[in-house]
N, C-alpha and C. Protein backbone atom coordinates (compact mmCIF):
# COMPACT_ATOMS: atom_id res chain seq x y z
N MET A 1 71.26 -51.12 -86.27
CA MET A 1 72.32 -51.43 -87.21
C MET A 1 71.86 -52.61 -88.05
N THR A 2 72.11 -52.52 -89.35
CA THR A 2 71.69 -53.54 -90.31
C THR A 2 72.90 -53.98 -91.11
N THR A 3 72.97 -55.27 -91.42
CA THR A 3 74.00 -55.78 -92.33
C THR A 3 73.31 -56.22 -93.60
N LEU A 4 73.75 -55.68 -94.74
CA LEU A 4 73.17 -56.04 -96.03
C LEU A 4 74.04 -57.12 -96.65
N ASP A 5 73.44 -58.24 -96.94
CA ASP A 5 74.14 -59.38 -97.53
C ASP A 5 73.40 -59.83 -98.77
N ARG A 6 73.98 -59.70 -99.94
CA ARG A 6 73.33 -60.19 -101.16
C ARG A 6 73.57 -61.68 -101.32
N GLN A 7 74.80 -62.12 -101.17
CA GLN A 7 75.17 -63.52 -101.26
C GLN A 7 76.23 -63.73 -100.19
N GLU A 8 76.72 -64.94 -100.06
CA GLU A 8 77.79 -65.20 -99.11
C GLU A 8 79.11 -64.81 -99.78
N PRO A 9 79.57 -63.55 -99.60
CA PRO A 9 80.77 -63.11 -100.29
C PRO A 9 82.05 -63.66 -99.67
N ARG A 10 83.07 -63.76 -100.50
CA ARG A 10 84.40 -64.20 -100.05
C ARG A 10 85.41 -63.28 -100.68
N PRO A 11 86.26 -62.59 -100.04
CA PRO A 11 86.17 -62.28 -98.61
C PRO A 11 85.24 -61.10 -98.38
N PRO A 12 84.50 -61.09 -97.29
CA PRO A 12 83.62 -59.96 -97.04
C PRO A 12 84.38 -58.78 -96.45
N MET A 13 83.89 -57.61 -96.76
CA MET A 13 84.42 -56.39 -96.15
C MET A 13 83.19 -55.61 -95.71
N LEU A 14 83.13 -55.30 -94.44
CA LEU A 14 82.01 -54.53 -93.91
C LEU A 14 82.36 -53.05 -93.94
N TYR A 15 81.55 -52.28 -94.66
CA TYR A 15 81.73 -50.83 -94.72
C TYR A 15 80.59 -50.17 -93.95
N PRO A 16 80.92 -49.33 -92.96
CA PRO A 16 79.85 -48.58 -92.30
C PRO A 16 79.33 -47.50 -93.24
N VAL A 17 78.02 -47.32 -93.25
CA VAL A 17 77.39 -46.27 -94.05
C VAL A 17 76.45 -45.49 -93.16
N CYS A 18 76.31 -44.22 -93.46
CA CYS A 18 75.43 -43.35 -92.69
C CYS A 18 74.28 -42.90 -93.59
N ILE A 19 73.07 -43.13 -93.11
CA ILE A 19 71.87 -42.82 -93.89
C ILE A 19 71.17 -41.62 -93.25
N HIS A 20 70.88 -40.62 -94.06
CA HIS A 20 70.17 -39.42 -93.62
C HIS A 20 68.86 -39.29 -94.37
N LYS A 21 67.87 -38.75 -93.72
CA LYS A 21 66.58 -38.50 -94.37
C LYS A 21 66.09 -37.13 -93.93
N ASP A 22 66.09 -36.19 -94.86
CA ASP A 22 65.52 -34.87 -94.60
C ASP A 22 64.06 -34.90 -95.03
N PRO A 23 63.21 -34.12 -94.38
CA PRO A 23 61.79 -34.09 -94.78
C PRO A 23 61.66 -33.75 -96.27
N GLY A 24 60.83 -34.52 -96.95
CA GLY A 24 60.57 -34.26 -98.37
C GLY A 24 61.67 -34.70 -99.31
N SER A 25 62.62 -35.50 -98.82
CA SER A 25 63.73 -35.94 -99.68
C SER A 25 63.89 -37.45 -99.61
N ASP A 26 64.71 -37.98 -100.52
CA ASP A 26 65.06 -39.39 -100.47
C ASP A 26 66.04 -39.64 -99.33
N TYR A 27 66.31 -40.90 -99.06
CA TYR A 27 67.33 -41.28 -98.10
C TYR A 27 68.69 -41.11 -98.76
N GLY A 28 69.55 -40.32 -98.17
CA GLY A 28 70.90 -40.13 -98.69
C GLY A 28 71.86 -41.01 -97.90
N VAL A 29 72.84 -41.59 -98.59
CA VAL A 29 73.78 -42.50 -97.95
C VAL A 29 75.21 -42.05 -98.23
N THR A 30 76.01 -41.98 -97.17
CA THR A 30 77.42 -41.62 -97.26
C THR A 30 78.26 -42.81 -96.81
N VAL A 31 79.39 -43.04 -97.49
CA VAL A 31 80.32 -44.12 -97.13
C VAL A 31 81.61 -43.45 -96.66
N PRO A 32 81.76 -43.23 -95.36
CA PRO A 32 82.91 -42.47 -94.85
C PRO A 32 84.27 -43.06 -95.21
N ASP A 33 84.38 -44.38 -95.32
CA ASP A 33 85.67 -45.00 -95.62
C ASP A 33 86.09 -44.86 -97.09
N ILE A 34 85.14 -44.45 -97.94
CA ILE A 34 85.43 -44.32 -99.37
C ILE A 34 85.08 -42.90 -99.79
N PRO A 35 86.04 -41.98 -99.70
CA PRO A 35 85.75 -40.58 -100.05
C PRO A 35 85.12 -40.45 -101.44
N GLY A 36 84.05 -39.66 -101.50
CA GLY A 36 83.37 -39.44 -102.76
C GLY A 36 82.32 -40.47 -103.10
N CYS A 37 82.11 -41.45 -102.23
CA CYS A 37 81.13 -42.50 -102.50
C CYS A 37 79.83 -42.17 -101.76
N PHE A 38 78.79 -41.88 -102.54
CA PHE A 38 77.48 -41.51 -102.02
C PHE A 38 76.42 -42.27 -102.80
N SER A 39 75.22 -42.32 -102.24
CA SER A 39 74.10 -42.92 -102.93
C SER A 39 72.82 -42.42 -102.30
N ALA A 40 71.69 -42.85 -102.86
CA ALA A 40 70.39 -42.45 -102.33
C ALA A 40 69.35 -43.47 -102.77
N GLY A 41 68.20 -43.41 -102.12
CA GLY A 41 67.07 -44.25 -102.49
C GLY A 41 65.80 -43.69 -101.90
N SER A 42 64.67 -44.02 -102.51
CA SER A 42 63.40 -43.48 -102.03
C SER A 42 62.93 -44.17 -100.75
N THR A 43 63.44 -45.40 -100.48
CA THR A 43 63.15 -46.09 -99.23
C THR A 43 64.47 -46.45 -98.57
N TYR A 44 64.41 -46.79 -97.29
CA TYR A 44 65.61 -47.22 -96.56
C TYR A 44 66.24 -48.42 -97.26
N GLU A 45 65.40 -49.40 -97.61
CA GLU A 45 65.90 -50.62 -98.24
C GLU A 45 66.55 -50.33 -99.60
N GLU A 46 65.90 -49.46 -100.39
CA GLU A 46 66.46 -49.10 -101.68
C GLU A 46 67.78 -48.35 -101.52
N ALA A 47 67.86 -47.50 -100.51
CA ALA A 47 69.10 -46.76 -100.25
C ALA A 47 70.25 -47.72 -99.95
N LEU A 48 69.99 -48.76 -99.14
CA LEU A 48 71.03 -49.74 -98.83
C LEU A 48 71.43 -50.53 -100.06
N SER A 49 70.47 -50.89 -100.88
CA SER A 49 70.77 -51.62 -102.11
C SER A 49 71.59 -50.76 -103.07
N MET A 50 71.19 -49.51 -103.20
CA MET A 50 71.89 -48.59 -104.11
C MET A 50 73.31 -48.30 -103.64
N VAL A 51 73.51 -48.20 -102.32
CA VAL A 51 74.86 -47.89 -101.83
C VAL A 51 75.78 -49.09 -102.04
N GLN A 52 75.24 -50.30 -101.99
CA GLN A 52 76.07 -51.48 -102.29
C GLN A 52 76.61 -51.36 -103.71
N ASP A 53 75.75 -51.02 -104.66
CA ASP A 53 76.18 -50.83 -106.05
C ASP A 53 77.19 -49.69 -106.17
N ALA A 54 76.95 -48.61 -105.43
CA ALA A 54 77.87 -47.46 -105.48
C ALA A 54 79.25 -47.84 -104.96
N ILE A 55 79.29 -48.59 -103.86
CA ILE A 55 80.57 -49.02 -103.29
C ILE A 55 81.31 -49.90 -104.29
N GLU A 56 80.62 -50.88 -104.85
CA GLU A 56 81.27 -51.79 -105.80
C GLU A 56 81.79 -51.04 -107.02
N SER A 57 81.01 -50.11 -107.53
CA SER A 57 81.46 -49.32 -108.68
C SER A 57 82.67 -48.46 -108.34
N HIS A 58 82.65 -47.87 -107.15
CA HIS A 58 83.77 -47.02 -106.72
C HIS A 58 85.04 -47.86 -106.55
N LEU A 59 84.90 -49.04 -105.94
CA LEU A 59 86.06 -49.91 -105.74
C LEU A 59 86.62 -50.40 -107.08
N GLU A 60 85.73 -50.65 -108.03
CA GLU A 60 86.17 -51.07 -109.36
C GLU A 60 87.02 -49.98 -110.02
N LEU A 61 86.60 -48.74 -109.90
CA LEU A 61 87.38 -47.63 -110.47
C LEU A 61 88.72 -47.48 -109.77
N LEU A 62 88.73 -47.62 -108.45
CA LEU A 62 90.00 -47.54 -107.71
C LEU A 62 90.95 -48.65 -108.17
N ALA A 63 90.42 -49.87 -108.31
CA ALA A 63 91.26 -51.00 -108.73
C ALA A 63 91.81 -50.77 -110.14
N GLU A 64 90.97 -50.27 -111.04
CA GLU A 64 91.41 -50.00 -112.41
C GLU A 64 92.52 -48.95 -112.45
N ASP A 65 92.47 -48.00 -111.52
CA ASP A 65 93.49 -46.95 -111.45
C ASP A 65 94.71 -47.37 -110.64
N GLY A 66 94.71 -48.62 -110.14
CA GLY A 66 95.84 -49.11 -109.37
C GLY A 66 95.90 -48.55 -107.96
N GLU A 67 94.79 -48.00 -107.49
CA GLU A 67 94.73 -47.43 -106.13
C GLU A 67 94.46 -48.53 -105.11
N GLU A 68 94.79 -48.25 -103.87
CA GLU A 68 94.51 -49.19 -102.78
C GLU A 68 93.01 -49.27 -102.53
N ILE A 69 92.54 -50.44 -102.17
CA ILE A 69 91.14 -50.62 -101.80
C ILE A 69 91.02 -50.28 -100.31
N PRO A 70 90.20 -49.28 -99.98
CA PRO A 70 90.08 -48.90 -98.56
C PRO A 70 89.41 -50.00 -97.76
N MET A 71 89.91 -50.21 -96.57
CA MET A 71 89.34 -51.19 -95.66
C MET A 71 88.19 -50.54 -94.90
N GLY A 72 87.23 -51.34 -94.48
CA GLY A 72 86.12 -50.84 -93.69
C GLY A 72 86.55 -50.56 -92.26
N SER A 73 86.05 -49.49 -91.70
CA SER A 73 86.32 -49.12 -90.31
C SER A 73 85.22 -49.65 -89.41
N THR A 74 85.36 -49.41 -88.15
CA THR A 74 84.30 -49.74 -87.21
C THR A 74 83.32 -48.58 -87.17
N LEU A 75 82.12 -48.83 -86.70
CA LEU A 75 81.13 -47.76 -86.54
C LEU A 75 81.64 -46.69 -85.58
N GLU A 76 82.36 -47.12 -84.57
CA GLU A 76 82.87 -46.18 -83.57
C GLU A 76 83.80 -45.13 -84.16
N ALA A 77 84.42 -45.45 -85.28
CA ALA A 77 85.36 -44.51 -85.91
C ALA A 77 84.67 -43.24 -86.38
N TYR A 78 83.38 -43.30 -86.68
CA TYR A 78 82.69 -42.15 -87.26
C TYR A 78 81.45 -41.68 -86.52
N LYS A 79 80.88 -42.51 -85.66
CA LYS A 79 79.55 -42.21 -85.14
C LYS A 79 79.45 -40.92 -84.34
N ASN A 80 80.56 -40.40 -83.84
CA ASN A 80 80.51 -39.16 -83.06
C ASN A 80 80.90 -37.92 -83.88
N GLU A 81 81.15 -38.08 -85.19
CA GLU A 81 81.50 -36.94 -86.02
C GLU A 81 80.25 -36.14 -86.37
N LYS A 82 80.38 -34.82 -86.33
CA LYS A 82 79.22 -33.95 -86.55
C LYS A 82 78.61 -34.11 -87.94
N ASP A 83 79.41 -34.48 -88.94
CA ASP A 83 78.88 -34.67 -90.30
C ASP A 83 77.85 -35.80 -90.36
N TYR A 84 77.88 -36.69 -89.37
CA TYR A 84 76.99 -37.85 -89.39
C TYR A 84 75.97 -37.80 -88.26
N ALA A 85 75.82 -36.65 -87.62
CA ALA A 85 74.84 -36.51 -86.53
C ALA A 85 73.45 -36.80 -87.07
N ASP A 86 72.66 -37.43 -86.28
CA ASP A 86 71.27 -37.77 -86.61
C ASP A 86 71.15 -38.78 -87.75
N GLY A 87 72.24 -39.39 -88.14
CA GLY A 87 72.18 -40.41 -89.19
C GLY A 87 71.90 -41.78 -88.61
N ILE A 88 71.44 -42.66 -89.46
CA ILE A 88 71.22 -44.05 -89.09
C ILE A 88 72.39 -44.84 -89.67
N TRP A 89 73.04 -45.65 -88.84
CA TRP A 89 74.20 -46.40 -89.30
C TRP A 89 73.81 -47.81 -89.71
N ALA A 90 74.47 -48.30 -90.72
CA ALA A 90 74.31 -49.68 -91.18
C ALA A 90 75.68 -50.17 -91.64
N LEU A 91 75.82 -51.47 -91.74
CA LEU A 91 77.02 -52.08 -92.29
C LEU A 91 76.66 -52.74 -93.61
N VAL A 92 77.44 -52.45 -94.64
CA VAL A 92 77.21 -53.04 -95.95
C VAL A 92 78.34 -54.03 -96.23
N ASN A 93 77.94 -55.26 -96.51
CA ASN A 93 78.88 -56.35 -96.73
C ASN A 93 79.21 -56.43 -98.22
N VAL A 94 80.47 -56.19 -98.57
CA VAL A 94 80.88 -56.15 -99.98
C VAL A 94 81.93 -57.22 -100.23
N ASP A 95 81.77 -57.96 -101.30
CA ASP A 95 82.76 -58.96 -101.72
C ASP A 95 83.88 -58.22 -102.45
N ILE A 96 85.06 -58.15 -101.85
CA ILE A 96 86.17 -57.40 -102.44
C ILE A 96 87.12 -58.27 -103.24
N THR A 97 86.78 -59.54 -103.42
CA THR A 97 87.67 -60.47 -104.13
C THR A 97 88.12 -59.93 -105.48
N GLY A 98 87.20 -59.42 -106.26
CA GLY A 98 87.52 -58.95 -107.60
C GLY A 98 88.39 -57.72 -107.64
N PHE A 99 88.57 -57.07 -106.51
CA PHE A 99 89.35 -55.83 -106.47
C PHE A 99 90.75 -56.04 -105.89
N LEU A 100 91.07 -57.28 -105.50
CA LEU A 100 92.37 -57.58 -104.90
C LEU A 100 93.44 -57.92 -105.92
N GLY A 101 93.03 -58.09 -107.17
CA GLY A 101 93.99 -58.40 -108.23
C GLY A 101 93.94 -59.85 -108.65
N LYS A 102 94.64 -60.13 -109.72
CA LYS A 102 94.69 -61.46 -110.30
C LYS A 102 95.48 -62.41 -109.40
N ALA A 103 95.03 -63.67 -109.32
CA ALA A 103 95.74 -64.67 -108.53
C ALA A 103 97.13 -64.91 -109.11
N GLN A 104 98.11 -65.06 -108.23
CA GLN A 104 99.48 -65.32 -108.64
C GLN A 104 100.00 -66.55 -107.90
N LYS A 105 100.76 -67.33 -108.58
CA LYS A 105 101.35 -68.52 -107.98
C LYS A 105 102.67 -68.14 -107.30
N ILE A 106 102.85 -68.63 -106.07
CA ILE A 106 104.10 -68.40 -105.33
C ILE A 106 104.55 -69.71 -104.71
N ASN A 107 105.81 -69.79 -104.37
CA ASN A 107 106.35 -70.93 -103.63
C ASN A 107 106.49 -70.52 -102.18
N VAL A 108 106.00 -71.38 -101.29
CA VAL A 108 106.06 -71.09 -99.86
C VAL A 108 106.69 -72.30 -99.17
N THR A 109 107.60 -72.04 -98.26
CA THR A 109 108.22 -73.10 -97.49
C THR A 109 107.68 -73.04 -96.07
N LEU A 110 107.09 -74.16 -95.62
CA LEU A 110 106.52 -74.24 -94.28
C LEU A 110 106.97 -75.54 -93.62
N PRO A 111 107.01 -75.57 -92.29
CA PRO A 111 107.35 -76.82 -91.59
C PRO A 111 106.32 -77.92 -91.91
N GLY A 112 106.80 -79.16 -91.99
CA GLY A 112 105.95 -80.29 -92.35
C GLY A 112 104.75 -80.46 -91.45
N ARG A 113 104.94 -80.29 -90.13
CA ARG A 113 103.81 -80.45 -89.20
C ARG A 113 102.74 -79.38 -89.45
N LEU A 114 103.17 -78.17 -89.78
CA LEU A 114 102.21 -77.10 -90.06
C LEU A 114 101.42 -77.42 -91.33
N ILE A 115 102.11 -77.94 -92.34
CA ILE A 115 101.42 -78.32 -93.57
C ILE A 115 100.40 -79.42 -93.28
N SER A 116 100.77 -80.39 -92.44
CA SER A 116 99.85 -81.47 -92.07
C SER A 116 98.62 -80.92 -91.37
N LYS A 117 98.82 -79.96 -90.46
CA LYS A 117 97.69 -79.36 -89.74
C LYS A 117 96.79 -78.57 -90.70
N ILE A 118 97.41 -77.86 -91.63
CA ILE A 118 96.63 -77.12 -92.63
C ILE A 118 95.81 -78.09 -93.47
N ASP A 119 96.44 -79.16 -93.93
CA ASP A 119 95.73 -80.14 -94.77
C ASP A 119 94.58 -80.79 -94.00
N LYS A 120 94.78 -81.05 -92.71
CA LYS A 120 93.72 -81.63 -91.89
C LYS A 120 92.56 -80.65 -91.76
N ALA A 121 92.87 -79.37 -91.54
CA ALA A 121 91.82 -78.35 -91.44
C ALA A 121 91.05 -78.23 -92.75
N VAL A 122 91.75 -78.30 -93.87
CA VAL A 122 91.10 -78.22 -95.18
C VAL A 122 90.17 -79.42 -95.38
N GLU A 123 90.64 -80.59 -94.96
CA GLU A 123 89.84 -81.82 -95.10
C GLU A 123 88.59 -81.77 -94.22
N GLU A 124 88.72 -81.21 -93.01
CA GLU A 124 87.61 -81.18 -92.06
C GLU A 124 86.61 -80.06 -92.32
N LYS A 125 87.06 -78.97 -92.93
CA LYS A 125 86.17 -77.82 -93.13
C LYS A 125 86.10 -77.50 -94.62
N SER A 126 84.98 -77.83 -95.22
CA SER A 126 84.84 -77.66 -96.66
C SER A 126 84.90 -76.21 -97.10
N LEU A 127 84.72 -75.27 -96.18
CA LEU A 127 84.76 -73.85 -96.56
C LEU A 127 86.13 -73.44 -97.10
N TYR A 128 87.18 -74.17 -96.74
CA TYR A 128 88.51 -73.82 -97.23
C TYR A 128 88.74 -74.30 -98.66
N GLY A 129 88.24 -75.47 -99.00
CA GLY A 129 88.39 -75.98 -100.35
C GLY A 129 89.74 -76.59 -100.65
N ASN A 130 90.81 -75.83 -100.40
CA ASN A 130 92.16 -76.33 -100.67
C ASN A 130 93.17 -75.55 -99.82
N ARG A 131 94.39 -76.00 -99.87
CA ARG A 131 95.46 -75.40 -99.06
C ARG A 131 95.68 -73.92 -99.40
N SER A 132 95.66 -73.60 -100.69
CA SER A 132 95.88 -72.20 -101.10
C SER A 132 94.80 -71.29 -100.54
N ASN A 133 93.54 -71.74 -100.60
CA ASN A 133 92.44 -70.94 -100.08
C ASN A 133 92.56 -70.78 -98.56
N PHE A 134 92.97 -71.83 -97.88
CA PHE A 134 93.20 -71.74 -96.44
C PHE A 134 94.23 -70.67 -96.12
N LEU A 135 95.36 -70.72 -96.83
CA LEU A 135 96.43 -69.74 -96.57
C LEU A 135 95.98 -68.32 -96.93
N ALA A 136 95.22 -68.17 -98.01
CA ALA A 136 94.71 -66.85 -98.39
C ALA A 136 93.78 -66.31 -97.32
N LYS A 137 92.86 -67.14 -96.81
CA LYS A 137 91.93 -66.71 -95.76
C LYS A 137 92.68 -66.32 -94.48
N ALA A 138 93.69 -67.11 -94.13
CA ALA A 138 94.48 -66.79 -92.94
C ALA A 138 95.22 -65.46 -93.11
N ALA A 139 95.78 -65.26 -94.29
CA ALA A 139 96.49 -64.00 -94.55
C ALA A 139 95.54 -62.82 -94.52
N MET A 140 94.36 -62.95 -95.11
CA MET A 140 93.39 -61.86 -95.11
C MET A 140 92.92 -61.53 -93.69
N ARG A 141 92.71 -62.58 -92.89
CA ARG A 141 92.30 -62.37 -91.50
C ARG A 141 93.41 -61.60 -90.74
N GLU A 142 94.64 -62.00 -90.93
CA GLU A 142 95.76 -61.35 -90.25
C GLU A 142 95.93 -59.90 -90.69
N LEU A 143 95.66 -59.63 -91.97
CA LEU A 143 95.82 -58.28 -92.52
C LEU A 143 94.58 -57.41 -92.35
N GLY A 144 93.52 -57.99 -91.77
CA GLY A 144 92.29 -57.22 -91.55
C GLY A 144 91.49 -57.01 -92.81
N ILE A 145 91.62 -57.90 -93.78
CA ILE A 145 90.93 -57.76 -95.05
C ILE A 145 89.64 -58.58 -95.06
N GLU A 146 89.39 -59.37 -94.05
CA GLU A 146 88.18 -60.20 -94.08
C GLU A 146 86.98 -59.46 -93.58
């Protein structure tokens, strides 16, 4: 199993992909969680790179059409299906931030102690940046979007 990471995406979504290689052909790649999303490459590495582009392009079209962005499944969800027999599985890490929609401002009411704890976590861990980003990351984690 391989994880393809181009940059440190926020938020990451891992999509399982199945790679097949028939004699005399390129590597074909299927993305089971995104119906109709396929790719290929002459090498294993090129196939993984090309499928990353295919996933991003497919998600962009879904977002433009107002469709839901499919979440990535676990490898176990597909590995025993006959359509993927003899395939090599990999996980492709895709930054789905651009497909979640435009940022919107909301008012949230929280207990004072919770706000203090959030602010302390933001201060101690630079990965959060600010309170809004902390809350967004927590919500994505809870919703299975990370």
